[in-house]
Amino acid sequence: MIRALAAIAVSLAPALALAQEPPKAGDLVAALSGDWNGDGQPDAALITQAEGGDAGLSLYLGDPVFGLKRVVDRPHVIFSGPMGGQTPALLPGSSSSFKLHQEQIGIGRTPWESTLSIAWRNGQFVLAGYSYQFYDRINPEHYGSCDVNLLAGNHELTLDGKTQKGRQDARAFPISQLDADYMPKICASLFQ
C-alpha cells in the first residue's frame, strides 16, 4: 500500500510542479466576455502576462463579419506578480461595464487590492471608477480605502477609521490613456 502511494506521488510530482509555475510572458492570465457596447455582438477583455511582474490589457469589440476587433491594447499596465495573491482578474459589472482587479495580498506587511471599473461610454471604453484598499498585518488599526466614481466625481476616503466624502476633479478618461501607476490624487493621500 505504501509503495503504491509513493508511486502515485512520484507520478503526480511533475504535474504539481507545473501547476505551481507562475505565468510566462505571453500567457493568458484572465479573459471576460460581454456585450458592453450593446450592439448584440460579444465583446472581450483579455489580460496577458508580460515580463517583469506586469501584464497587458486588450479590449475587443465584436464584429458580425470579422469576429473580434481589437480596439485597445495597453501593455505593461497591470500588476501581475509571480506568486499566489498577485494574480489580476476580470470581473463582470453591469451590462455596459466590467472590473479589472489587481492585488498584492500574498506577502509583505501591507497587502493591497485595487479595482478599476471600465465602462463603455460615448463610443469608447473609459475608466469609470477606481477603488483601492490596504491593511497593516502588524498594526490592525492602520488601514485605508479609497473609492472614486470618475463619472460623477464623488469619492470616499477612509484612513485608520476616519472617513471623508466629497467631490474631486479627476474624471473618466479613455482606457487607451491608462498608465500602470494611475491613482486618483485623492487616493494618493492614503500614503502621506
C-alpha atoms as a PDB file:
ATOM      1  CA  MET A   1       0.000   0.000   0.000  1.00  0.00           C
ATOM      2  CA  ILE A   2       2.766   2.444   0.953  1.00  0.00           C
ATOM      3  CA  ARG A   3       4.662   1.563  -2.212  1.00  0.00           C
ATOM      4  CA  ALA A   4       1.524   2.254  -4.289  1.00  0.00           C
ATOM      5  CA  LEU A   5       1.037   5.669  -2.630  1.00  0.00           C
ATOM      6  CA  ALA A   6       4.686   6.512  -3.212  1.00  0.00           C
ATOM      7  CA  ALA A   7       4.367   5.577  -6.894  1.00  0.00           C
ATOM      8  CA  ILE A   8       1.290   7.827  -7.226  1.00  0.00           C
ATOM      9  CA  ALA A   9       3.083  10.726  -5.513  1.00  0.00           C
ATOM     10  CA  VAL A  10       6.105  10.354  -7.802  1.00  0.00           C
ATOM     11  CA  SER A  11       3.903  10.242 -10.911  1.00  0.00           C
ATOM     12  CA  LEU A  12       1.974  13.363  -9.825  1.00  0.00           C
ATOM     13  CA  ALA A  13       5.067  15.409  -8.875  1.00  0.00           C
ATOM     14  CA  PRO A  14       5.707  16.825 -12.386  1.00  0.00           C
ATOM     15  CA  ALA A  15       2.054  17.848 -12.745  1.00  0.00           C
ATOM     16  CA  LEU A  16       2.038  19.514  -9.332  1.00  0.00           C
ATOM     17  CA  ALA A  17       5.257  21.374 -10.111  1.00  0.00           C
ATOM     18  CA  LEU A  18       3.829  22.518 -13.440  1.00  0.00           C
ATOM     19  CA  ALA A  19       0.605  23.732 -11.771  1.00  0.00           C
ATOM     20  CA  GLN A  20       2.638  25.976  -9.441  1.00  0.00           C
ATOM     21  CA  GLU A  21       4.711  27.717 -12.128  1.00  0.00           C
ATOM     22  CA  PRO A  22       3.990  31.430 -12.484  1.00  0.00           C
ATOM     23  CA  PRO A  23       2.660  32.622 -15.833  1.00  0.00           C
ATOM     24  CA  LYS A  24       5.258  33.314 -18.523  1.00  0.00           C
ATOM     25  CA  ALA A  25       5.322  36.286 -20.887  1.00  0.00           C
ATOM     26  CA  GLY A  26       2.545  35.851 -23.426  1.00  0.00           C
ATOM     27  CA  ASP A  27       0.406  33.572 -21.237  1.00  0.00           C
ATOM     28  CA  LEU A  28      -3.277  34.419 -20.948  1.00  0.00           C
ATOM     29  CA  VAL A  29      -3.986  35.344 -17.309  1.00  0.00           C
ATOM     30  CA  ALA A  30      -7.701  36.235 -17.474  1.00  0.00           C
ATOM     31  CA  ALA A  31     -10.496  36.666 -20.000  1.00  0.00           C
ATOM     32  CA  LEU A  32     -14.044  38.004 -19.865  1.00  0.00           C
ATOM     33  CA  SER A  33     -16.765  38.416 -22.454  1.00  0.00           C
ATOM     34  CA  GLY A  34     -19.902  40.549 -22.572  1.00  0.00           C
ATOM     35  CA  ASP A  35     -21.814  42.823 -24.915  1.00  0.00           C
ATOM     36  CA  TRP A  36     -20.649  46.063 -23.277  1.00  0.00           C
ATOM     37  CA  ASN A  37     -21.470  48.346 -26.223  1.00  0.00           C
ATOM     38  CA  GLY A  38     -24.968  46.848 -26.581  1.00  0.00           C
ATOM     39  CA  ASP A  39     -24.774  46.022 -30.300  1.00  0.00           C
ATOM     40  CA  GLY A  40     -25.713  42.338 -29.932  1.00  0.00           C
ATOM     41  CA  GLN A  41     -22.150  41.109 -30.641  1.00  0.00           C
ATOM     42  CA  PRO A  42     -19.974  39.631 -27.865  1.00  0.00           C
ATOM     43  CA  ASP A  43     -17.036  41.825 -26.841  1.00  0.00           C
ATOM     44  CA  ALA A  44     -13.974  40.602 -24.922  1.00  0.00           C
ATOM     45  CA  ALA A  45     -11.316  41.702 -22.444  1.00  0.00           C
ATOM     46  CA  LEU A  46      -8.010  39.828 -22.047  1.00  0.00           C
ATOM     47  CA  ILE A  47      -5.140  40.096 -19.579  1.00  0.00           C
ATOM     48  CA  THR A  48      -1.850  38.736 -20.934  1.00  0.00           C
ATOM     49  CA  GLN A  49       1.302  38.246 -18.849  1.00  0.00           C
ATOM     50  CA  ALA A  50       4.308  40.419 -19.728  1.00  0.00           C
ATOM     51  CA  GLU A  51       7.904  40.353 -18.482  1.00  0.00           C
ATOM     52  CA  GLY A  52       8.842  41.656 -15.052  1.00  0.00           C
ATOM     53  CA  GLY A  53       5.660  41.351 -12.994  1.00  0.00           C
ATOM     54  CA  ASP A  54       3.397  43.235 -15.383  1.00  0.00           C
ATOM     55  CA  ALA A  55       0.508  42.273 -17.608  1.00  0.00           C
ATOM     56  CA  GLY A  56      -1.241  43.903 -20.527  1.00  0.00           C
ATOM     57  CA  LEU A  57      -4.904  44.644 -21.136  1.00  0.00           C
ATOM     58  CA  SER A  58      -6.507  44.167 -24.559  1.00  0.00           C
ATOM     59  CA  LEU A  59     -10.129  45.069 -25.312  1.00  0.00           C
ATOM     60  CA  TYR A  60     -12.072  43.809 -28.314  1.00  0.00           C
ATOM     61  CA  LEU A  61     -15.406  44.726 -29.874  1.00  0.00           C
ATOM     62  CA  GLY A  62     -17.473  42.067 -31.613  1.00  0.00           C
ATOM     63  CA  ASP A  63     -17.843  42.403 -35.367  1.00  0.00           C
ATOM     64  CA  PRO A  64     -20.527  40.337 -37.150  1.00  0.00           C
ATOM     65  CA  VAL A  65     -18.223  39.737 -40.148  1.00  0.00           C
ATOM     66  CA  PHE A  66     -14.698  39.559 -38.684  1.00  0.00           C
ATOM     67  CA  GLY A  67     -15.301  38.266 -35.144  1.00  0.00           C
ATOM     68  CA  LEU A  68     -13.384  40.273 -32.554  1.00  0.00           C
ATOM     69  CA  LYS A  69     -11.646  43.538 -33.450  1.00  0.00           C
ATOM     70  CA  ARG A  70      -9.011  44.879 -31.026  1.00  0.00           C
ATOM     71  CA  VAL A  71      -9.765  48.488 -30.059  1.00  0.00           C
ATOM     72  CA  VAL A  72      -7.461  48.918 -27.022  1.00  0.00           C
ATOM     73  CA  ASP A  73      -4.038  47.432 -26.337  1.00  0.00           C
ATOM     74  CA  ARG A  74      -2.285  48.582 -23.138  1.00  0.00           C
ATOM     75  CA  PRO A  75       0.879  46.540 -22.482  1.00  0.00           C
ATOM     76  CA  HIS A  76       2.536  46.641 -19.039  1.00  0.00           C
ATOM     77  CA  VAL A  77      -0.404  48.430 -17.402  1.00  0.00           C
ATOM     78  CA  ILE A  78      -1.481  45.824 -14.789  1.00  0.00           C
ATOM     79  CA  PHE A  79       0.408  44.383 -11.800  1.00  0.00           C
ATOM     80  CA  SER A  80       0.772  40.597 -12.149  1.00  0.00           C
ATOM     81  CA  GLY A  81       3.326  39.047  -9.815  1.00  0.00           C
ATOM     82  CA  PRO A  82       4.806  35.545  -9.823  1.00  0.00           C
ATOM     83  CA  MET A  83       3.215  34.331  -6.558  1.00  0.00           C
ATOM     84  CA  GLY A  84      -0.224  33.493  -5.272  1.00  0.00           C
ATOM     85  CA  GLY A  85      -2.127  36.574  -4.175  1.00  0.00           C
ATOM     86  CA  GLN A  86      -0.639  38.609  -7.045  1.00  0.00           C
ATOM     87  CA  THR A  87      -2.769  37.500  -9.991  1.00  0.00           C
ATOM     88  CA  PRO A  88      -5.081  40.015 -11.700  1.00  0.00           C
ATOM     89  CA  ALA A  89      -8.671  39.139 -12.604  1.00  0.00           C
ATOM     90  CA  LEU A  90     -11.534  40.386 -14.761  1.00  0.00           C
ATOM     91  CA  LEU A  91     -14.959  40.514 -13.120  1.00  0.00           C
ATOM     92  CA  PRO A  92     -18.422  41.188 -14.549  1.00  0.00           C
ATOM     93  CA  GLY A  93     -20.045  44.542 -13.818  1.00  0.00           C
ATOM     94  CA  SER A  94     -23.195  45.977 -15.336  1.00  0.00           C
ATOM     95  CA  SER A  95     -24.399  45.327 -18.880  1.00  0.00           C
ATOM     96  CA  SER A  96     -22.056  48.095 -20.093  1.00  0.00           C
ATOM     97  CA  SER A  97     -19.097  47.612 -17.737  1.00  0.00           C
ATOM     98  CA  PHE A  98     -16.650  45.196 -16.143  1.00  0.00           C
ATOM     99  CA  LYS A  99     -13.954  45.364 -13.456  1.00  0.00           C
ATOM    100  CA  LEU A 100     -10.233  44.786 -13.507  1.00  0.00           C
ATOM    101  CA  HIS A 101      -8.937  43.588 -10.129  1.00  0.00           C
ATOM    102  CA  GLN A 102      -5.268  43.753  -9.083  1.00  0.00           C
ATOM    103  CA  GLU A 103      -3.819  42.627  -5.778  1.00  0.00           C
ATOM    104  CA  GLN A 104      -0.712  42.021  -3.753  1.00  0.00           C
ATOM    105  CA  ILE A 105      -2.035  40.061  -0.786  1.00  0.00           C
ATOM    106  CA  GLY A 106       0.431  37.169  -0.869  1.00  0.00           C
ATOM    107  CA  ILE A 107       3.384  38.644   1.023  1.00  0.00           C
ATOM    108  CA  GLY A 108       4.530  41.677   2.952  1.00  0.00           C
ATOM    109  CA  ARG A 109       3.306  43.757   5.829  1.00  0.00           C
ATOM    110  CA  THR A 110       0.803  45.862   3.889  1.00  0.00           C
ATOM    111  CA  PRO A 111      -1.374  43.848   1.480  1.00  0.00           C
ATOM    112  CA  TRP A 112      -3.387  45.867  -1.024  1.00  0.00           C
ATOM    113  CA  GLU A 113      -6.141  45.433  -3.612  1.00  0.00           C
ATOM    114  CA  SER A 114      -7.191  47.719  -6.431  1.00  0.00           C
ATOM    115  CA  THR A 115     -10.234  47.556  -8.700  1.00  0.00           C
ATOM    116  CA  LEU A 116     -10.721  49.591 -11.865  1.00  0.00           C
ATOM    117  CA  SER A 117     -14.241  49.895 -13.276  1.00  0.00           C
ATOM    118  CA  ILE A 118     -14.188  50.019 -17.064  1.00  0.00           C
ATOM    119  CA  ALA A 119     -17.342  51.141 -18.883  1.00  0.00           C
ATOM    120  CA  TRP A 120     -18.491  51.708 -22.455  1.00  0.00           C
ATOM    121  CA  ARG A 121     -19.419  55.398 -22.720  1.00  0.00           C
ATOM    122  CA  ASN A 122     -19.762  57.697 -25.741  1.00  0.00           C
ATOM    123  CA  GLY A 123     -18.357  55.162 -28.197  1.00  0.00           C
ATOM    124  CA  GLN A 124     -15.280  54.093 -26.202  1.00  0.00           C
ATOM    125  CA  PHE A 125     -14.060  52.207 -23.134  1.00  0.00           C
ATOM    126  CA  VAL A 126     -13.353  54.589 -20.249  1.00  0.00           C
ATOM    127  CA  LEU A 127     -12.047  54.277 -16.715  1.00  0.00           C
ATOM    128  CA  ALA A 128     -15.283  54.964 -14.812  1.00  0.00           C
ATOM    129  CA  GLY A 129     -14.259  54.111 -11.248  1.00  0.00           C
ATOM    130  CA  TYR A 130     -11.282  53.383  -9.045  1.00  0.00           C
ATOM    131  CA  SER A 131     -11.075  51.553  -5.712  1.00  0.00           C
ATOM    132  CA  TYR A 132      -8.050  50.843  -3.512  1.00  0.00           C
ATOM    133  CA  GLN A 133      -7.749  49.279  -0.063  1.00  0.00           C
ATOM    134  CA  PHE A 134      -4.923  48.170   2.212  1.00  0.00           C
ATOM    135  CA  TYR A 135      -4.337  46.992   5.758  1.00  0.00           C
ATOM    136  CA  ASP A 136      -1.339  46.516   8.041  1.00  0.00           C
ATOM    137  CA  ARG A 137      -0.713  42.933   9.189  1.00  0.00           C
ATOM    138  CA  ILE A 138       1.231  44.098  12.263  1.00  0.00           C
ATOM    139  CA  ASN A 139      -0.857  47.121  13.271  1.00  0.00           C
ATOM    140  CA  PRO A 140      -4.549  46.275  12.711  1.00  0.00           C
ATOM    141  CA  GLU A 141      -5.535  49.894  13.493  1.00  0.00           C
ATOM    142  CA  HIS A 142      -3.722  51.080  10.356  1.00  0.00           C
ATOM    143  CA  TYR A 143      -5.854  50.525   7.260  1.00  0.00           C
ATOM    144  CA  GLY A 144      -7.355  52.535   4.469  1.00  0.00           C
ATOM    145  CA  SER A 145      -9.567  52.605   1.418  1.00  0.00           C
ATOM    146  CA  CYS A 146     -10.403  54.994  -1.364  1.00  0.00           C
ATOM    147  CA  ASP A 147     -13.353  54.767  -3.756  1.00  0.00           C
ATOM    148  CA  VAL A 148     -13.742  57.234  -6.614  1.00  0.00           C
ATOM    149  CA  ASN A 149     -16.619  57.468  -9.087  1.00  0.00           C
ATOM    150  CA  LEU A 150     -14.861  59.036 -12.060  1.00  0.00           C
ATOM    151  CA  LEU A 151     -18.124  59.565 -13.938  1.00  0.00           C
ATOM    152  CA  ALA A 152     -19.683  61.714 -11.193  1.00  0.00           C
ATOM    153  CA  GLY A 153     -16.550  62.923  -9.385  1.00  0.00           C
ATOM    154  CA  ASN A 154     -17.605  61.629  -5.958  1.00  0.00           C
ATOM    155  CA  HIS A 155     -15.131  59.992  -3.596  1.00  0.00           C
ATOM    156  CA  GLU A 156     -14.989  58.304  -0.198  1.00  0.00           C
ATOM    157  CA  LEU A 157     -11.680  58.052   1.646  1.00  0.00           C
ATOM    158  CA  THR A 158     -11.111  56.103   4.873  1.00  0.00           C
ATOM    159  CA  LEU A 159      -7.848  56.132   6.797  1.00  0.00           C
ATOM    160  CA  ASP A 160      -7.448  54.500  10.210  1.00  0.00           C
ATOM    161  CA  GLY A 161     -11.200  54.586  10.884  1.00  0.00           C
ATOM    162  CA  LYS A 162     -11.810  58.194   9.795  1.00  0.00           C
ATOM    163  CA  THR A 163     -13.937  58.639   6.683  1.00  0.00           C
ATOM    164  CA  GLN A 164     -14.363  61.668   4.473  1.00  0.00           C
ATOM    165  CA  LYS A 165     -16.665  62.037   1.495  1.00  0.00           C
ATOM    166  CA  GLY A 166     -16.552  64.680  -1.166  1.00  0.00           C
ATOM    167  CA  ARG A 167     -16.021  65.617  -4.760  1.00  0.00           C
ATOM    168  CA  GLN A 168     -12.775  65.693  -6.670  1.00  0.00           C
ATOM    169  CA  ASP A 169     -11.604  66.853 -10.075  1.00  0.00           C
ATOM    170  CA  ALA A 170     -10.485  63.560 -11.651  1.00  0.00           C
ATOM    171  CA  ARG A 171     -12.898  62.410 -14.335  1.00  0.00           C
ATOM    172  CA  ALA A 172     -13.390  59.385 -16.559  1.00  0.00           C
ATOM    173  CA  PHE A 173     -10.870  59.070 -19.379  1.00  0.00           C
ATOM    174  CA  PRO A 174     -10.279  56.625 -22.263  1.00  0.00           C
ATOM    175  CA  ILE A 175      -8.672  53.325 -21.273  1.00  0.00           C
ATOM    176  CA  SER A 176      -6.242  53.856 -24.155  1.00  0.00           C
ATOM    177  CA  GLN A 177      -4.629  56.526 -21.893  1.00  0.00           C
ATOM    178  CA  LEU A 178      -4.360  54.351 -18.752  1.00  0.00           C
ATOM    179  CA  ASP A 179      -0.890  54.149 -17.174  1.00  0.00           C
ATOM    180  CA  ALA A 180       0.392  51.433 -14.832  1.00  0.00           C
ATOM    181  CA  ASP A 181       0.832  53.831 -11.914  1.00  0.00           C
ATOM    182  CA  TYR A 182      -2.552  55.574 -12.233  1.00  0.00           C
ATOM    183  CA  MET A 183      -4.203  56.536  -8.970  1.00  0.00           C
ATOM    184  CA  PRO A 184      -6.572  59.490  -8.431  1.00  0.00           C
ATOM    185  CA  LYS A 185      -4.837  62.256  -6.479  1.00  0.00           C
ATOM    186  CA  ILE A 186      -7.337  61.959  -3.602  1.00  0.00           C
ATOM    187  CA  CYS A 187      -6.364  58.277  -3.134  1.00  0.00           C
ATOM    188  CA  ALA A 188      -2.644  59.151  -3.012  1.00  0.00           C
ATOM    189  CA  SER A 189      -3.369  60.917   0.291  1.00  0.00           C
ATOM    190  CA  LEU A 190      -3.589  57.437   1.883  1.00  0.00           C
ATOM    191  CA  PHE A 191       0.213  57.343   1.754  1.00  0.00           C
ATOM    192  CA  GLN A 192       1.059  60.776   3.210  1.00  0.00           C
END
